[in-house]
Amino acid sequence: MTLRTKFILFVVIIHAVLIVLAAQVLRTNPVLFIGTELILAVSIVLTVQLYRGFVRPFNLIAAGTEAIQAKDFTMKFVPVGQREMDQLIDVYNRMIDELRQERVTQHEKSFLLERLIEASPAGVLLLTFDGRIEAVNPAALRCLRLPAAELLGKKPSELPGDWGTSLSTLTTGEPQVVQLSGIQTYRAHCSHFVDRGFTRNFIVLEELTQDLIRQEKLAYEKLIRMMSHEINNSIGAINSILQSFHNYAPQLREEDRDDFTEALEVSVNRNTHLANFIANFANLVRLPAPTRRPHDVHELLRGIQRLFQVQCERRNILWHWELAGGPLWVGLDAQQMEQAILNIVKNALESIGENGNLTVRTTQNPPMLRIEDDGAGIPADVQRRLFTPFFSTKRDGQGIGLTMIRDILLQHGFRFSLETQPTGLTAFTIWLTDSEPKVLAAT
């Protein structure tokens, strides 16, 4: 029973008793009855006024409570001319003003934080109280290469591929470097904040790939330039001296002349081979920035196929075409991209050897090129080292091919991956879109 009901019940009982008593007085003293009725009428009027003054604060409190529960901080009350009520109204109005200002401030901070997280180049995974992914920003989607629908509600350890394995061992306050297949490298950091009195965790993913590649390239560029300068200067002088030795051949005995000439030719050839060897590295360092113009990728691919046609026929390697309808126009440096695709096809053909298949696929939306072969595939221990500068599995390989492919694609801003799929096919995929340089490797 509410306080208001109790008050009304009390007033009704009191006045009912007074009415009964007045009825008893009517029989013995009519004059006193009239006086009693007047007193009763005055009592009723005063009781109504007292009730209104008593109940009004409760109505005010109830209305204010409903407004606060509805999160309506715009409703305020005007003074009514009663000192006690006006004090209560003043306290309520000041409280509502402060709540409204606090709410606006919190919304502004929350909006700013959301925009900062959305625009952040670092991926952010917000976790629930039980450690499941509740929200992700666009950078995290790019890092994980998964749609939001496949991330939300999962624990980080449940993510597919190397991500799940790496994030399962992540502990709060201890950053961890996550290196996926190829050259994709991230730093994962887990931290926490307090939400409504409870601790919640979040994970930050920072891509280190570009910084590592940039530092790595600066290091080997300086070394190659210095080596190229010193070796070329030495080779030029040595070859000049060796050529001058030919003039002494007629002065030698006839039985020594052939050996002498052959030794000079071997030395000159060896120097020439060394010069070509260092020139390959120097060309990699001198790779210019791409001059991008619209070009039909299909035309580029057909030209490369013609270059390998005779070789493929001799080795019984079949080309299969699954091209998107119509031309595939992409802004690129045709000369550099031709060199990159040429190296990709060359590696695929070397992997096949003989009696195999090479499939070329393209799509329009998104613009994508994929070259697949049914060769030997990539061993697991080699996968992570594929795009390491100058790494090669060939006996006499220099590791320049994949390094050049990597640099050309990175300069174009094209994402790429190289992986042996569960089907046994090895696929080199290039996303031909104008975007920030991102390198994606097999997971």
Protein backbone atom coordinates (compact mmCIF):
# COMPACT_ATOMS: atom_id res chain seq x y z
CA MET A 1 0.00 0.00 0.00
CA THR A 2 1.42 3.35 -1.05
CA LEU A 3 1.81 6.33 1.22
CA ARG A 4 -0.78 8.25 -0.81
CA THR A 5 -3.35 5.49 -0.35
CA LYS A 6 -2.70 5.34 3.38
CA PHE A 7 -3.20 9.13 3.66
CA ILE A 8 -6.48 9.06 1.74
CA LEU A 9 -7.75 6.11 3.78
CA PHE A 10 -6.88 7.89 7.02
CA VAL A 11 -8.67 11.10 5.95
CA VAL A 12 -11.77 9.21 4.81
CA ILE A 13 -12.04 7.33 8.13
CA ILE A 14 -11.62 10.49 10.22
CA HIS A 15 -14.27 12.40 8.28
CA ALA A 16 -16.64 9.43 8.26
CA VAL A 17 -16.41 9.31 12.05
CA LEU A 18 -17.07 13.07 12.20
CA ILE A 19 -20.12 12.71 9.97
CA VAL A 20 -21.51 9.93 12.15
CA LEU A 21 -20.99 12.05 15.28
CA ALA A 22 -22.63 15.03 13.59
CA ALA A 23 -25.66 12.89 12.78
CA GLN A 24 -25.94 11.95 16.46
CA VAL A 25 -25.79 15.63 17.50
CA LEU A 26 -28.57 16.54 15.05
CA ARG A 27 -31.22 14.83 17.21
CA THR A 28 -30.32 16.59 20.45
CA ASN A 29 -28.89 19.98 19.39
CA PRO A 30 -29.52 21.26 15.84
CA VAL A 31 -27.45 24.40 16.42
CA LEU A 32 -24.42 22.36 17.41
CA PHE A 33 -25.04 20.16 14.38
CA ILE A 34 -24.80 23.17 12.07
CA GLY A 35 -21.54 24.23 13.74
CA THR A 36 -20.19 20.73 13.43
CA GLU A 37 -21.05 20.64 9.73
CA LEU A 38 -19.26 23.96 9.17
CA ILE A 39 -16.18 22.62 10.95
CA LEU A 40 -16.40 19.45 8.89
CA ALA A 41 -16.61 21.44 5.63
CA VAL A 42 -13.60 23.56 6.62
CA SER A 43 -11.72 20.37 7.52
CA ILE A 44 -12.47 18.84 4.15
CA VAL A 45 -11.24 21.98 2.34
CA LEU A 46 -8.07 22.12 4.42
CA THR A 47 -7.51 18.39 3.96
CA VAL A 48 -7.78 18.74 0.16
CA GLN A 49 -5.28 21.60 0.18
CA LEU A 50 -3.00 19.67 2.51
CA TYR A 51 -3.32 16.61 0.28
CA ARG A 52 -2.35 18.62 -2.78
CA GLY A 53 0.65 20.10 -1.00
CA PHE A 54 1.58 16.70 0.37
CA VAL A 55 1.16 14.77 -2.87
CA ARG A 56 2.67 17.31 -5.28
CA PRO A 57 6.29 16.48 -4.31
CA PHE A 58 5.53 12.82 -4.86
CA ASN A 59 4.11 13.59 -8.31
CA LEU A 60 7.20 15.65 -9.04
CA ILE A 61 9.49 12.85 -7.92
CA ALA A 62 7.50 10.28 -9.91
CA ALA A 63 7.57 12.40 -13.08
CA GLY A 64 11.29 13.06 -12.65
CA THR A 65 11.97 9.37 -12.07
CA GLU A 66 10.08 8.42 -15.24
CA ALA A 67 12.00 11.03 -17.23
CA ILE A 68 15.34 9.77 -15.93
CA GLN A 69 14.37 6.17 -16.62
CA ALA A 70 13.43 7.19 -20.17
CA LYS A 71 16.78 9.02 -20.42
CA ASP A 72 14.91 12.24 -21.11
CA PHE A 73 17.11 14.94 -19.62
CA THR A 74 15.24 17.82 -21.25
CA MET A 75 12.20 17.90 -18.92
CA LYS A 76 12.42 20.57 -16.23
CA PHE A 77 9.89 22.00 -13.73
CA VAL A 78 8.93 25.63 -13.09
CA PRO A 79 8.63 27.08 -9.56
CA VAL A 80 5.14 26.99 -8.01
CA GLY A 81 5.55 29.67 -5.36
CA GLN A 82 5.91 27.32 -2.39
CA ARG A 83 9.27 27.53 -0.66
CA GLU A 84 9.71 23.81 0.01
CA MET A 85 8.49 22.82 -3.46
CA ASP A 86 10.63 25.45 -5.16
CA GLN A 87 13.71 24.16 -3.32
CA LEU A 88 12.96 20.62 -4.49
CA ILE A 89 12.34 21.82 -8.05
CA ASP A 90 15.57 23.80 -8.03
CA VAL A 91 17.57 20.74 -6.89
CA TYR A 92 15.92 18.57 -9.54
CA ASN A 93 16.49 21.10 -12.34
CA ARG A 94 20.19 21.47 -11.44
CA MET A 95 20.57 17.69 -11.30
CA ILE A 96 18.94 17.34 -14.74
CA ASP A 97 21.23 20.04 -16.18
CA GLU A 98 24.31 18.25 -14.87
CA LEU A 99 23.08 14.87 -16.11
CA ARG A 100 22.33 16.32 -19.54
CA GLN A 101 25.74 17.97 -19.76
CA GLU A 102 27.44 14.78 -18.58
CA ARG A 103 25.51 12.76 -21.14
CA VAL A 104 26.47 15.14 -23.95
CA THR A 105 30.11 15.01 -22.86
CA GLN A 106 30.07 11.21 -22.73
CA HIS A 107 28.43 10.98 -26.16
CA GLU A 108 31.01 13.35 -27.62
CA LYS A 109 33.88 11.37 -26.10
CA SER A 110 32.33 8.08 -27.23
CA PHE A 111 31.80 9.40 -30.76
CA LEU A 112 35.36 10.72 -30.93
CA LEU A 113 36.73 7.40 -29.66
CA GLU A 114 34.67 5.47 -32.22
CA ARG A 115 35.90 7.68 -35.05
CA LEU A 116 39.51 7.33 -33.89
CA ILE A 117 39.20 3.54 -33.73
CA GLU A 118 37.51 3.44 -37.16
CA ALA A 119 40.28 5.55 -38.70
CA SER A 120 43.13 3.86 -36.84
CA PRO A 121 45.68 2.04 -39.03
CA ALA A 122 45.99 -0.52 -36.23
CA GLY A 123 43.45 -3.30 -35.98
CA VAL A 124 41.35 -3.34 -32.81
CA LEU A 125 39.39 -6.33 -31.48
CA LEU A 126 37.03 -5.46 -28.61
CA LEU A 127 36.25 -8.45 -26.40
CA THR A 128 33.24 -9.18 -24.21
CA PHE A 129 33.49 -10.04 -20.51
CA ASP A 130 33.88 -13.73 -21.40
CA GLY A 131 36.61 -13.06 -23.99
CA ARG A 132 34.60 -13.20 -27.22
CA ILE A 133 34.99 -10.71 -30.06
CA GLU A 134 32.26 -8.06 -29.79
CA ALA A 135 33.46 -5.42 -32.27
CA VAL A 136 36.21 -4.92 -34.85
CA ASN A 137 37.41 -1.92 -36.81
CA PRO A 138 38.14 -1.88 -40.59
CA ALA A 139 41.90 -2.22 -40.04
CA ALA A 140 41.35 -5.47 -38.12
CA LEU A 141 39.23 -6.84 -40.98
CA ARG A 142 42.08 -6.07 -43.39
CA CYS A 143 44.62 -7.73 -41.11
CA LEU A 144 42.57 -10.88 -40.53
CA ARG A 145 41.18 -11.07 -44.10
CA LEU A 146 37.81 -12.18 -42.74
CA PRO A 147 34.35 -10.56 -42.81
CA ALA A 148 32.97 -9.24 -39.55
CA ALA A 149 30.25 -11.92 -39.52
CA GLU A 150 32.91 -14.63 -39.21
CA LEU A 151 34.67 -12.84 -36.34
CA LEU A 152 31.93 -11.64 -34.02
CA GLY A 153 31.08 -14.02 -31.21
CA LYS A 154 34.30 -16.03 -31.54
CA LYS A 155 37.23 -16.16 -29.17
CA PRO A 156 40.57 -15.02 -30.68
CA SER A 157 41.93 -18.55 -30.25
CA GLU A 158 39.10 -19.82 -32.48
CA LEU A 159 40.16 -17.76 -35.50
CA PRO A 160 41.25 -19.82 -38.53
CA GLY A 161 44.83 -20.41 -39.57
CA ASP A 162 47.89 -19.03 -37.81
CA TRP A 163 45.91 -16.20 -36.21
CA GLY A 164 44.11 -18.51 -33.81
CA THR A 165 47.31 -20.25 -32.78
CA SER A 166 49.19 -16.98 -32.26
CA LEU A 167 46.45 -15.12 -30.37
CA SER A 168 45.72 -18.08 -28.09
CA THR A 169 49.06 -17.51 -26.32
CA LEU A 170 48.66 -13.73 -26.06
CA THR A 171 48.71 -12.39 -22.50
CA THR A 172 47.81 -8.94 -21.19
CA GLY A 173 50.69 -6.46 -21.18
CA GLU A 174 53.08 -8.69 -23.16
CA PRO A 175 53.25 -7.72 -26.86
CA GLN A 176 53.86 -10.59 -29.24
CA VAL A 177 55.15 -10.63 -32.82
CA VAL A 178 52.92 -12.66 -35.11
CA GLN A 179 54.60 -13.77 -38.32
CA LEU A 180 52.35 -15.41 -40.85
CA SER A 181 53.39 -17.16 -44.03
CA GLY A 182 55.53 -15.21 -46.48
CA ILE A 183 56.49 -11.78 -45.17
CA GLN A 184 53.36 -10.75 -43.30
CA THR A 185 54.38 -9.62 -39.81
CA TYR A 186 52.23 -8.11 -37.05
CA ARG A 187 52.61 -7.07 -33.44
CA ALA A 188 49.70 -8.14 -31.24
CA HIS A 189 49.13 -6.40 -27.91
CA CYS A 190 46.42 -7.20 -25.35
CA SER A 191 45.29 -4.58 -22.84
CA HIS A 192 42.19 -3.88 -20.74
CA PHE A 193 39.82 -1.18 -19.53
CA VAL A 194 37.07 -0.97 -16.90
CA ASP A 195 33.48 -1.01 -18.15
CA ARG A 196 30.70 -0.60 -15.55
CA GLY A 197 33.01 -1.90 -12.87
CA PHE A 198 34.14 -4.96 -14.82
CA THR A 199 37.46 -5.53 -16.61
CA ARG A 200 37.25 -5.96 -20.38
CA ASN A 201 40.11 -6.78 -22.73
CA PHE A 202 40.91 -5.59 -26.23
CA ILE A 203 43.58 -6.63 -28.73
CA VAL A 204 45.54 -4.25 -30.95
CA LEU A 205 47.11 -5.54 -34.19
CA GLU A 206 49.86 -3.40 -35.74
CA GLU A 207 51.29 -4.28 -39.12
CA LEU A 208 55.09 -4.26 -39.16
CA THR A 209 55.52 -5.62 -42.68
CA GLN A 210 56.06 -2.31 -44.44
CA ASP A 211 58.47 -0.95 -41.82
CA LEU A 212 60.52 -4.16 -41.82
CA ILE A 213 60.68 -4.24 -45.61
CA ARG A 214 61.68 -0.58 -45.75
CA GLN A 215 64.49 -1.02 -43.22
CA GLU A 216 65.59 -4.24 -44.86
CA LYS A 217 65.69 -2.63 -48.28
CA LEU A 218 67.67 0.36 -47.06
CA ALA A 219 70.25 -2.02 -45.58
CA TYR A 220 70.80 -4.19 -48.64
CA GLU A 221 70.59 -1.24 -51.07
CA LYS A 222 73.56 0.42 -49.38
CA LEU A 223 75.52 -2.84 -49.36
CA ILE A 224 74.76 -3.64 -53.01
CA ARG A 225 75.66 -0.15 -54.20
CA MET A 226 79.00 -0.30 -52.40
CA MET A 227 79.75 -3.83 -53.68
CA SER A 228 78.70 -2.94 -57.21
CA HIS A 229 80.95 0.11 -57.27
CA GLU A 230 84.01 -1.71 -55.94
CA ILE A 231 83.57 -4.91 -57.97
CA ASN A 232 82.86 -3.14 -61.27
CA ASN A 233 85.90 -0.92 -60.86
CA SER A 234 88.09 -3.93 -60.09
CA ILE A 235 86.66 -6.10 -62.89
CA GLY A 236 87.21 -3.37 -65.47
CA ALA A 237 90.86 -2.99 -64.52
CA ILE A 238 91.47 -6.76 -64.29
CA ASN A 239 89.87 -7.45 -67.68
CA SER A 240 91.97 -4.72 -69.24
CA ILE A 241 95.13 -6.31 -67.83
CA LEU A 242 94.06 -9.79 -68.95
CA GLN A 243 93.35 -8.56 -72.47
CA SER A 244 96.79 -7.01 -72.64
CA PHE A 245 98.31 -10.39 -71.71
CA HIS A 246 97.10 -11.73 -75.05
CA ASN A 247 99.83 -9.67 -76.70
CA TYR A 248 102.42 -11.87 -75.00
CA ALA A 249 101.00 -15.12 -76.37
CA PRO A 250 103.22 -15.13 -79.54
CA GLN A 251 106.30 -14.85 -77.34
CA LEU A 252 105.53 -18.13 -75.57
CA ARG A 253 106.54 -21.57 -76.71
CA GLU A 254 103.97 -23.14 -78.99
CA GLU A 255 103.19 -25.98 -76.54
CA ASP A 256 102.39 -23.39 -73.79
CA ARG A 257 100.50 -20.95 -75.98
CA ASP A 258 97.10 -22.76 -75.97
CA ASP A 259 97.09 -23.26 -72.21
CA PHE A 260 97.98 -19.61 -71.69
CA THR A 261 95.22 -18.37 -74.02
CA GLU A 262 92.64 -20.70 -72.48
CA ALA A 263 93.52 -19.56 -68.95
CA LEU A 264 93.09 -15.93 -69.97
CA GLU A 265 89.71 -16.65 -71.59
CA VAL A 266 88.50 -18.52 -68.49
CA SER A 267 89.55 -15.61 -66.28
CA VAL A 268 87.84 -13.04 -68.52
CA ASN A 269 84.66 -15.14 -68.71
CA ARG A 270 84.65 -15.56 -64.95
CA ASN A 271 84.99 -11.81 -64.47
CA THR A 272 82.18 -11.21 -66.95
CA HIS A 273 79.97 -13.66 -65.08
CA LEU A 274 80.76 -11.86 -61.80
CA ALA A 275 79.91 -8.51 -63.41
CA ASN A 276 76.57 -9.86 -64.63
CA PHE A 277 75.93 -11.36 -61.20
CA ILE A 278 76.39 -8.05 -59.40
CA ALA A 279 74.49 -6.22 -62.17
CA ASN A 280 71.40 -8.28 -61.37
CA PHE A 281 71.51 -7.07 -57.77
CA ALA A 282 72.19 -3.49 -58.88
CA ASN A 283 69.16 -3.58 -61.20
CA LEU A 284 67.00 -4.63 -58.27
CA VAL A 285 68.21 -1.65 -56.24
CA ARG A 286 67.61 0.75 -59.14
CA LEU A 287 63.97 -0.28 -59.56
CA PRO A 288 62.21 3.04 -60.38
CA ALA A 289 58.81 4.14 -59.14
CA PRO A 290 56.07 2.77 -61.41
CA THR A 291 54.62 4.96 -64.16
CA ARG A 292 50.99 3.94 -64.00
CA ARG A 293 48.74 3.99 -67.04
CA PRO A 294 45.53 2.08 -67.81
CA HIS A 295 46.48 -1.26 -69.34
CA ASP A 296 44.58 -4.42 -70.27
CA VAL A 297 45.93 -7.19 -68.03
CA HIS A 298 44.54 -9.84 -70.42
CA GLU A 299 46.67 -8.44 -73.24
CA LEU A 300 49.71 -8.53 -70.95
CA LEU A 301 49.04 -12.19 -70.08
CA ARG A 302 48.63 -13.27 -73.70
CA GLY A 303 51.94 -11.64 -74.59
CA ILE A 304 53.69 -13.56 -71.80
CA GLN A 305 52.04 -16.82 -72.91
CA ARG A 306 53.47 -16.34 -76.40
CA LEU A 307 56.97 -16.00 -74.92
CA PHE A 308 56.68 -19.40 -73.21
CA GLN A 309 54.65 -21.15 -75.91
CA VAL A 310 57.50 -23.10 -77.52
CA GLN A 311 58.97 -24.10 -74.15
CA CYS A 312 55.57 -25.29 -72.87
CA GLU A 313 54.89 -27.33 -76.01
CA ARG A 314 58.27 -29.01 -75.70
CA ARG A 315 57.65 -29.88 -72.03
CA ASN A 316 53.97 -30.78 -72.53
CA ILE A 317 52.64 -28.07 -70.19
CA LEU A 318 49.09 -26.95 -70.96
CA TRP A 319 47.76 -23.44 -70.36
CA HIS A 320 44.17 -23.07 -69.13
CA TRP A 321 42.41 -19.70 -69.34
CA GLU A 322 39.57 -18.62 -67.04
CA LEU A 323 39.44 -14.90 -67.76
CA ALA A 324 36.80 -12.37 -66.78
CA GLY A 325 34.61 -11.20 -69.64
CA GLY A 326 36.01 -8.26 -71.60
CA PRO A 327 39.25 -6.34 -70.99
CA LEU A 328 40.61 -6.01 -67.45
CA TRP A 329 41.78 -2.40 -67.29
CA VAL A 330 44.11 -1.60 -64.41
CA GLY A 331 46.38 1.37 -63.75
CA LEU A 332 49.90 -0.07 -63.72
CA ASP A 333 53.42 0.16 -65.10
CA ALA A 334 53.17 -2.33 -67.97
CA GLN A 335 56.91 -2.94 -68.21
CA GLN A 336 57.36 -3.63 -64.49
CA MET A 337 54.21 -5.76 -64.18
CA GLU A 338 55.23 -7.76 -67.24
CA GLN A 339 58.56 -8.48 -65.55
CA ALA A 340 56.82 -9.52 -62.32
CA ILE A 341 54.29 -11.81 -64.04
CA LEU A 342 57.07 -13.21 -66.23
CA ASN A 343 58.96 -14.28 -63.11
CA ILE A 344 55.79 -15.74 -61.56
CA VAL A 345 55.09 -17.85 -64.66
CA LYS A 346 58.75 -18.87 -64.91
CA ASN A 347 58.71 -20.12 -61.30
CA ALA A 348 55.45 -21.98 -61.92
CA LEU A 349 56.85 -23.71 -65.00
CA GLU A 350 60.01 -24.68 -63.12
CA SER A 351 57.83 -26.16 -60.37
CA ILE A 352 55.84 -28.19 -62.91
CA GLY A 353 58.85 -29.50 -64.79
CA GLU A 354 57.07 -31.53 -67.45
CA ASN A 355 53.56 -32.84 -68.20
CA GLY A 356 51.58 -30.40 -66.12
CA ASN A 357 48.97 -27.65 -66.16
CA LEU A 358 49.10 -23.92 -65.61
CA THR A 359 45.83 -22.06 -65.02
CA VAL A 360 45.37 -18.30 -65.37
CA ARG A 361 42.29 -16.78 -63.69
CA THR A 362 41.07 -13.19 -63.53
CA THR A 363 38.03 -11.45 -62.05
CA GLN A 364 36.60 -7.99 -62.62
CA ASN A 365 35.12 -7.28 -59.20
CA PRO A 366 37.42 -7.12 -57.42
CA PRO A 367 40.17 -6.93 -60.06
CA MET A 368 42.25 -10.02 -59.36
CA LEU A 369 44.83 -12.22 -61.11
CA ARG A 370 45.63 -15.76 -60.02
CA ILE A 371 48.22 -18.07 -61.58
CA GLU A 372 47.98 -21.71 -60.48
CA ASP A 373 50.21 -24.68 -61.21
CA ASP A 374 50.07 -28.36 -60.32
CA GLY A 375 53.77 -28.63 -59.60
CA ALA A 376 55.56 -29.90 -56.52
CA GLY A 377 54.12 -27.27 -54.17
CA ILE A 378 55.81 -25.24 -51.44
CA PRO A 379 57.18 -27.09 -48.38
CA ALA A 380 56.04 -25.76 -45.01
CA ASP A 381 59.58 -24.84 -43.94
CA VAL A 382 60.03 -22.78 -47.12
CA GLN A 383 56.65 -21.00 -46.98
CA ARG A 384 57.65 -18.49 -44.30
CA ARG A 385 60.90 -17.57 -46.04
CA LEU A 386 59.51 -17.11 -49.55
CA PHE A 387 59.84 -13.34 -49.82
CA THR A 388 62.98 -13.02 -47.73
CA PRO A 389 65.45 -11.03 -49.86
CA PHE A 390 67.73 -13.26 -51.95
CA PHE A 391 66.34 -16.49 -50.50
CA SER A 392 66.27 -19.30 -53.06
CA THR A 393 65.76 -23.06 -53.00
CA LYS A 394 67.63 -23.48 -56.28
CA ARG A 395 71.20 -24.66 -56.16
CA ASP A 396 72.52 -21.72 -58.19
CA GLY A 397 69.66 -19.34 -57.44
CA GLN A 398 70.25 -15.76 -56.37
CA GLY A 399 66.79 -15.17 -54.90
CA ILE A 400 66.31 -12.06 -57.02
CA GLY A 401 63.12 -13.17 -58.78
CA LEU A 402 60.75 -13.22 -55.80
CA THR A 403 62.41 -10.15 -54.30
CA MET A 404 61.80 -8.23 -57.53
CA ILE A 405 58.20 -9.47 -57.70
CA ARG A 406 57.66 -8.36 -54.11
CA ASP A 407 59.11 -4.89 -54.66
CA ILE A 408 57.18 -4.29 -57.90
CA LEU A 409 53.86 -5.30 -56.38
CA LEU A 410 54.49 -3.32 -53.21
CA GLN A 411 55.35 -0.20 -55.21
CA HIS A 412 52.07 -0.62 -57.11
CA GLY A 413 50.16 -1.03 -53.86
CA PHE A 414 48.85 -4.46 -54.89
CA ARG A 415 48.17 -7.06 -52.20
CA PHE A 416 49.44 -10.54 -53.02
CA SER A 417 49.77 -14.05 -51.65
CA LEU A 418 51.62 -17.22 -52.59
CA GLU A 419 50.40 -20.49 -51.14
CA THR A 420 49.97 -24.18 -51.83
CA GLN A 421 46.26 -24.87 -51.41
CA PRO A 422 44.70 -27.98 -49.85
CA THR A 423 43.91 -29.17 -53.39
CA GLY A 424 47.65 -29.41 -54.08
CA LEU A 425 47.66 -26.48 -56.50
CA THR A 426 50.10 -23.64 -55.85
CA ALA A 427 48.51 -20.23 -56.46
CA PHE A 428 50.06 -16.79 -56.79
CA THR A 429 47.24 -14.28 -56.30
CA ILE A 430 47.45 -10.54 -56.98
CA TRP A 431 44.64 -8.14 -56.03
CA LEU A 432 44.93 -5.45 -58.70
CA THR A 433 43.37 -2.67 -56.68
CA ASP A 434 44.65 0.78 -55.84
CA SER A 435 45.08 0.54 -52.10
CA GLU A 436 47.66 0.97 -49.41
CA PRO A 437 50.47 -1.54 -49.83
CA LYS A 438 49.42 -4.67 -48.00
CA VAL A 439 51.10 -8.03 -48.27
CA LEU A 440 48.99 -11.07 -47.62
CA ALA A 441 50.51 -14.49 -47.37
CA ALA A 442 49.14 -17.94 -46.83
CA THR A 443 47.46 -18.66 -43.53
